């Protein structure tokens, strides 16, 4: 929708919290839940929707879980950084963690666990691309050293992302030195 809908946000949050508990999983429920989650994927839902979406993330799977992760990326605030870092570290959630890794750039800059979690993510091909991008932004000096070997990765997408992240890290360093 083009127009903001702040009055609807509390209703959507309540539905997102209650629907998974009251309905057995089904294609219809998942479509409804997807619509609710997408409607909550707006900055106006920040930070109110984040906690409910983080609770919802492990209760979903597949494309719906990735959509919930994307909504978390939009709505999360620093107060949820530890919970999000815990979800990122759980490989059970697979590629659904990708958007959570991107959320870290905005919400977990000051969390002492962030850089270590990102460093571990570099060795997880499922989230390595996102981890390189975020690490280059948050800690460009160590990113260059850690990401450099990834330029020779057997997956061309990871190798290309490594080159791009290293270039971004050098750019960030140059900007800081100006």
C-alpha atoms as a PDB file:
ATOM      1  CA  UNK A   1       0.000   0.000   0.000  1.00  0.00           C
ATOM      2  CA  UNK A   2       1.204   3.489  -0.727  1.00  0.00           C
ATOM      3  CA  UNK A   3      -0.388   5.082   2.318  1.00  0.00           C
ATOM      4  CA  UNK A   4       0.908   4.253   5.802  1.00  0.00           C
ATOM      5  CA  UNK A   5      -1.444   2.217   7.987  1.00  0.00           C
ATOM      6  CA  UNK A   6      -0.299   2.760  11.579  1.00  0.00           C
ATOM      7  CA  UNK A   7      -3.738   1.909  13.018  1.00  0.00           C
ATOM      8  CA  UNK A   8      -3.541  -1.564  11.483  1.00  0.00           C
ATOM      9  CA  UNK A   9      -0.101  -2.443  12.884  1.00  0.00           C
ATOM     10  CA  UNK A  10      -1.326  -3.532  16.367  1.00  0.00           C
ATOM     11  CA  UNK A  11      -4.052  -5.690  14.806  1.00  0.00           C
ATOM     12  CA  UNK A  12      -1.581  -7.297  12.407  1.00  0.00           C
ATOM     13  CA  UNK A  13       0.851  -7.964  15.267  1.00  0.00           C
ATOM     14  CA  UNK A  14      -1.893  -9.650  17.282  1.00  0.00           C
ATOM     15  CA  UNK A  15      -2.851 -11.821  14.304  1.00  0.00           C
ATOM     16  CA  UNK A  16       0.788 -12.757  13.682  1.00  0.00           C
ATOM     17  CA  UNK A  17       1.116 -13.796  17.324  1.00  0.00           C
ATOM     18  CA  UNK A  18      -2.153 -15.701  17.609  1.00  0.00           C
ATOM     19  CA  UNK A  19      -2.637 -17.340  14.212  1.00  0.00           C
ATOM     20  CA  UNK A  20       0.163 -19.923  14.495  1.00  0.00           C
ATOM     21  CA  UNK A  21      -1.152 -20.944  17.926  1.00  0.00           C
ATOM     22  CA  UNK A  22      -4.810 -21.300  16.955  1.00  0.00           C
ATOM     23  CA  UNK A  23      -4.630 -22.786  13.492  1.00  0.00           C
ATOM     24  CA  UNK A  24      -3.059 -26.075  12.490  1.00  0.00           C
ATOM     25  CA  UNK A  25      -0.438 -25.551   9.778  1.00  0.00           C
ATOM     26  CA  UNK A  26      -2.013 -25.553   6.325  1.00  0.00           C
ATOM     27  CA  UNK A  27      -1.491 -23.912   2.960  1.00  0.00           C
ATOM     28  CA  UNK A  28      -4.351 -21.503   3.693  1.00  0.00           C
ATOM     29  CA  UNK A  29      -2.935 -20.552   7.078  1.00  0.00           C
ATOM     30  CA  UNK A  30       0.506 -20.023   5.576  1.00  0.00           C
ATOM     31  CA  UNK A  31      -0.892 -17.759   2.829  1.00  0.00           C
ATOM     32  CA  UNK A  32      -2.762 -15.681   5.407  1.00  0.00           C
ATOM     33  CA  UNK A  33       0.282 -15.538   7.655  1.00  0.00           C
ATOM     34  CA  UNK A  34       2.459 -14.529   4.706  1.00  0.00           C
ATOM     35  CA  UNK A  35       0.124 -11.618   3.955  1.00  0.00           C
ATOM     36  CA  UNK A  36       0.191 -10.504   7.581  1.00  0.00           C
ATOM     37  CA  UNK A  37       3.982 -10.758   7.775  1.00  0.00           C
ATOM     38  CA  UNK A  38       4.431  -8.836   4.516  1.00  0.00           C
ATOM     39  CA  UNK A  39       2.088  -6.135   5.833  1.00  0.00           C
ATOM     40  CA  UNK A  40       4.280  -5.891   8.940  1.00  0.00           C
ATOM     41  CA  UNK A  41       7.428  -5.508   6.817  1.00  0.00           C
ATOM     42  CA  UNK A  42       7.333  -1.729   7.050  1.00  0.00           C
ATOM     43  CA  UNK A  43       9.387   0.679   9.152  1.00  0.00           C
ATOM     44  CA  UNK A  44       6.193   1.845  10.868  1.00  0.00           C
ATOM     45  CA  UNK A  45       5.967  -1.588  12.514  1.00  0.00           C
ATOM     46  CA  UNK A  46       9.387  -1.087  14.108  1.00  0.00           C
ATOM     47  CA  UNK A  47      10.067  -2.078  16.842  1.00  0.00           C
ATOM     48  CA  UNK A  48       6.616  -3.281  17.964  1.00  0.00           C
ATOM     49  CA  UNK A  49       6.395  -6.188  15.511  1.00  0.00           C
ATOM     50  CA  UNK A  50       9.948  -7.475  15.924  1.00  0.00           C
ATOM     51  CA  UNK A  51       9.474  -9.595  19.037  1.00  0.00           C
ATOM     52  CA  UNK A  52       6.403 -11.355  17.633  1.00  0.00           C
ATOM     53  CA  UNK A  53       8.177 -11.978  14.325  1.00  0.00           C
ATOM     54  CA  UNK A  54      11.243 -13.368  16.107  1.00  0.00           C
ATOM     55  CA  UNK A  55       8.939 -15.713  18.057  1.00  0.00           C
ATOM     56  CA  UNK A  56       7.245 -16.690  14.785  1.00  0.00           C
ATOM     57  CA  UNK A  57      10.477 -17.425  12.882  1.00  0.00           C
ATOM     58  CA  UNK A  58      11.152 -20.902  14.396  1.00  0.00           C
ATOM     59  CA  UNK A  59       7.477 -21.870  14.004  1.00  0.00           C
ATOM     60  CA  UNK A  60       7.633 -21.511  10.222  1.00  0.00           C
ATOM     61  CA  UNK A  61       9.660 -23.132   7.473  1.00  0.00           C
ATOM     62  CA  UNK A  62      10.629 -22.806   3.826  1.00  0.00           C
ATOM     63  CA  UNK A  63       9.734 -19.646   1.910  1.00  0.00           C
ATOM     64  CA  UNK A  64       7.460 -18.415   4.713  1.00  0.00           C
ATOM     65  CA  UNK A  65      10.355 -18.538   7.170  1.00  0.00           C
ATOM     66  CA  UNK A  66      12.516 -16.521   4.770  1.00  0.00           C
ATOM     67  CA  UNK A  67       9.697 -13.932   4.501  1.00  0.00           C
ATOM     68  CA  UNK A  68       9.503 -13.745   8.303  1.00  0.00           C
ATOM     69  CA  UNK A  69      13.286 -13.240   8.373  1.00  0.00           C
ATOM     70  CA  UNK A  70      12.924 -10.423   5.875  1.00  0.00           C
ATOM     71  CA  UNK A  71      10.267  -8.790   8.060  1.00  0.00           C
ATOM     72  CA  UNK A  72      12.570  -9.110  11.067  1.00  0.00           C
ATOM     73  CA  UNK A  73      15.294  -7.343   9.091  1.00  0.00           C
ATOM     74  CA  UNK A  74      12.938  -4.382   8.621  1.00  0.00           C
ATOM     75  CA  UNK A  75      11.436  -4.242  12.111  1.00  0.00           C
ATOM     76  CA  UNK A  76      14.169  -5.340  14.535  1.00  0.00           C
ATOM     77  CA  UNK A  77      15.803  -3.017  17.018  1.00  0.00           C
ATOM     78  CA  UNK A  78      19.035  -3.356  19.017  1.00  0.00           C
ATOM     79  CA  UNK A  79      17.142  -4.817  21.986  1.00  0.00           C
ATOM     80  CA  UNK A  80      16.542  -8.013  19.969  1.00  0.00           C
ATOM     81  CA  UNK A  81      20.125  -8.424  18.754  1.00  0.00           C
ATOM     82  CA  UNK A  82      20.983 -11.394  20.995  1.00  0.00           C
ATOM     83  CA  UNK A  83      17.877 -13.298  19.938  1.00  0.00           C
ATOM     84  CA  UNK A  84      18.625 -12.634  16.282  1.00  0.00           C
ATOM     85  CA  UNK A  85      22.264 -13.683  16.662  1.00  0.00           C
ATOM     86  CA  UNK A  86      21.051 -16.936  18.270  1.00  0.00           C
ATOM     87  CA  UNK A  87      18.789 -17.612  15.266  1.00  0.00           C
ATOM     88  CA  UNK A  88      21.626 -16.847  12.849  1.00  0.00           C
ATOM     89  CA  UNK A  89      23.871 -19.382  14.558  1.00  0.00           C
ATOM     90  CA  UNK A  90      21.270 -22.136  14.302  1.00  0.00           C
ATOM     91  CA  UNK A  91      22.070 -23.782  10.954  1.00  0.00           C
ATOM     92  CA  UNK A  92      18.788 -25.684  11.147  1.00  0.00           C
ATOM     93  CA  UNK A  93      17.115 -22.575   9.705  1.00  0.00           C
ATOM     94  CA  UNK A  94      19.211 -22.703   6.531  1.00  0.00           C
ATOM     95  CA  UNK A  95      18.912 -19.886   4.016  1.00  0.00           C
ATOM     96  CA  UNK A  96      16.093 -18.277   6.001  1.00  0.00           C
ATOM     97  CA  UNK A  97      18.879 -16.750   8.130  1.00  0.00           C
ATOM     98  CA  UNK A  98      20.131 -14.599   5.244  1.00  0.00           C
ATOM     99  CA  UNK A  99      17.954 -11.584   6.006  1.00  0.00           C
ATOM    100  CA  UNK A 100      18.694 -11.921   9.717  1.00  0.00           C
ATOM    101  CA  UNK A 101      22.399 -11.541   8.929  1.00  0.00           C
ATOM    102  CA  UNK A 102      21.610  -8.343   7.038  1.00  0.00           C
ATOM    103  CA  UNK A 103      19.646  -7.049  10.033  1.00  0.00           C
ATOM    104  CA  UNK A 104      22.794  -7.244  12.134  1.00  0.00           C
ATOM    105  CA  UNK A 105      24.329  -4.300  10.253  1.00  0.00           C
ATOM    106  CA  UNK A 106      21.581  -2.017  11.554  1.00  0.00           C
ATOM    107  CA  UNK A 107      20.785  -3.413  14.987  1.00  0.00           C
ATOM    108  CA  UNK A 108      23.796  -5.219  16.451  1.00  0.00           C
ATOM    109  CA  UNK A 109      26.725  -2.870  15.864  1.00  0.00           C
ATOM    110  CA  UNK A 110      27.398  -2.561  19.577  1.00  0.00           C
ATOM    111  CA  UNK A 111      26.631  -6.167  20.549  1.00  0.00           C
ATOM    112  CA  UNK A 112      29.922  -7.815  21.603  1.00  0.00           C
ATOM    113  CA  UNK A 113      28.889 -11.113  19.950  1.00  0.00           C
ATOM    114  CA  UNK A 114      28.247  -9.646  16.506  1.00  0.00           C
ATOM    115  CA  UNK A 115      31.691  -9.769  14.932  1.00  0.00           C
ATOM    116  CA  UNK A 116      32.383 -13.302  16.145  1.00  0.00           C
ATOM    117  CA  UNK A 117      29.052 -14.564  14.797  1.00  0.00           C
ATOM    118  CA  UNK A 118      29.731 -12.873  11.456  1.00  0.00           C
ATOM    119  CA  UNK A 119      33.201 -14.418  11.301  1.00  0.00           C
ATOM    120  CA  UNK A 120      31.706 -17.883  11.807  1.00  0.00           C
ATOM    121  CA  UNK A 121      29.105 -17.145   9.133  1.00  0.00           C
ATOM    122  CA  UNK A 122      31.900 -16.642   6.601  1.00  0.00           C
ATOM    123  CA  UNK A 123      32.434 -20.412   6.713  1.00  0.00           C
ATOM    124  CA  UNK A 124      28.745 -21.149   6.180  1.00  0.00           C
ATOM    125  CA  UNK A 125      28.085 -20.917   2.445  1.00  0.00           C
ATOM    126  CA  UNK A 126      24.367 -20.460   3.085  1.00  0.00           C
ATOM    127  CA  UNK A 127      24.891 -17.036   4.689  1.00  0.00           C
ATOM    128  CA  UNK A 128      28.476 -16.189   3.660  1.00  0.00           C
ATOM    129  CA  UNK A 129      27.477 -13.589   1.055  1.00  0.00           C
ATOM    130  CA  UNK A 130      25.439 -11.616   3.568  1.00  0.00           C
ATOM    131  CA  UNK A 131      28.074 -12.026   6.282  1.00  0.00           C
ATOM    132  CA  UNK A 132      30.792 -10.642   4.005  1.00  0.00           C
ATOM    133  CA  UNK A 133      28.695  -7.589   3.190  1.00  0.00           C
ATOM    134  CA  UNK A 134      27.919  -6.847   6.828  1.00  0.00           C
ATOM    135  CA  UNK A 135      31.422  -7.575   8.103  1.00  0.00           C
ATOM    136  CA  UNK A 136      32.924  -5.243   5.467  1.00  0.00           C
ATOM    137  CA  UNK A 137      30.616  -2.521   6.736  1.00  0.00           C
ATOM    138  CA  UNK A 138      31.113  -3.038  10.475  1.00  0.00           C
ATOM    139  CA  UNK A 139      34.781  -4.059  10.679  1.00  0.00           C
ATOM    140  CA  UNK A 140      36.473  -3.305   7.359  1.00  0.00           C
ATOM    141  CA  UNK A 141      40.055  -3.888   8.512  1.00  0.00           C
ATOM    142  CA  UNK A 142      39.527  -7.454   9.707  1.00  0.00           C
ATOM    143  CA  UNK A 143      37.026  -8.096   6.897  1.00  0.00           C
ATOM    144  CA  UNK A 144      39.719  -7.662   4.280  1.00  0.00           C
ATOM    145  CA  UNK A 145      41.933 -10.276   5.907  1.00  0.00           C
ATOM    146  CA  UNK A 146      39.088 -12.717   6.603  1.00  0.00           C
ATOM    147  CA  UNK A 147      37.330 -12.381   3.263  1.00  0.00           C
ATOM    148  CA  UNK A 148      40.415 -12.376   1.014  1.00  0.00           C
ATOM    149  CA  UNK A 149      40.631 -16.203   0.772  1.00  0.00           C
ATOM    150  CA  UNK A 150      36.964 -16.343  -0.269  1.00  0.00           C
ATOM    151  CA  UNK A 151      37.904 -14.679  -3.578  1.00  0.00           C
ATOM    152  CA  UNK A 152      39.100 -18.119  -4.672  1.00  0.00           C
ATOM    153  CA  UNK A 153      35.984 -19.976  -3.502  1.00  0.00           C
ATOM    154  CA  UNK A 154      34.672 -22.707  -5.797  1.00  0.00           C
ATOM    155  CA  UNK A 155      31.223 -21.057  -5.841  1.00  0.00           C
ATOM    156  CA  UNK A 156      31.462 -18.142  -8.290  1.00  0.00           C
ATOM    157  CA  UNK A 157      28.773 -16.194  -6.417  1.00  0.00           C
ATOM    158  CA  UNK A 158      30.757 -16.348  -3.167  1.00  0.00           C
ATOM    159  CA  UNK A 159      33.997 -15.436  -4.966  1.00  0.00           C
ATOM    160  CA  UNK A 160      32.310 -12.436  -6.617  1.00  0.00           C
ATOM    161  CA  UNK A 161      30.710 -11.355  -3.330  1.00  0.00           C
ATOM    162  CA  UNK A 162      34.130 -11.556  -1.648  1.00  0.00           C
ATOM    163  CA  UNK A 163      35.665  -9.250  -4.246  1.00  0.00           C
ATOM    164  CA  UNK A 164      32.780  -6.819  -3.857  1.00  0.00           C
ATOM    165  CA  UNK A 165      32.980  -6.910  -0.036  1.00  0.00           C
ATOM    166  CA  UNK A 166      36.730  -6.292  -0.053  1.00  0.00           C
ATOM    167  CA  UNK A 167      36.258  -3.322  -2.374  1.00  0.00           C
ATOM    168  CA  UNK A 168      33.540  -1.979  -0.042  1.00  0.00           C
ATOM    169  CA  UNK A 169      35.809  -2.486   2.987  1.00  0.00           C
ATOM    170  CA  UNK A 170      38.634  -0.527   1.354  1.00  0.00           C
ATOM    171  CA  UNK A 171      36.120   2.196   0.492  1.00  0.00           C
ATOM    172  CA  UNK A 172      34.918   2.315   4.096  1.00  0.00           C
ATOM    173  CA  UNK A 173      38.495   2.590   5.359  1.00  0.00           C
ATOM    174  CA  UNK A 174      39.279   5.389   2.899  1.00  0.00           C
ATOM    175  CA  UNK A 175      36.167   7.283   3.983  1.00  0.00           C
ATOM    176  CA  UNK A 176      37.136   7.007   7.641  1.00  0.00           C
ATOM    177  CA  UNK A 177      40.611   8.339   6.889  1.00  0.00           C
ATOM    178  CA  UNK A 178      39.307  11.474   5.135  1.00  0.00           C
END
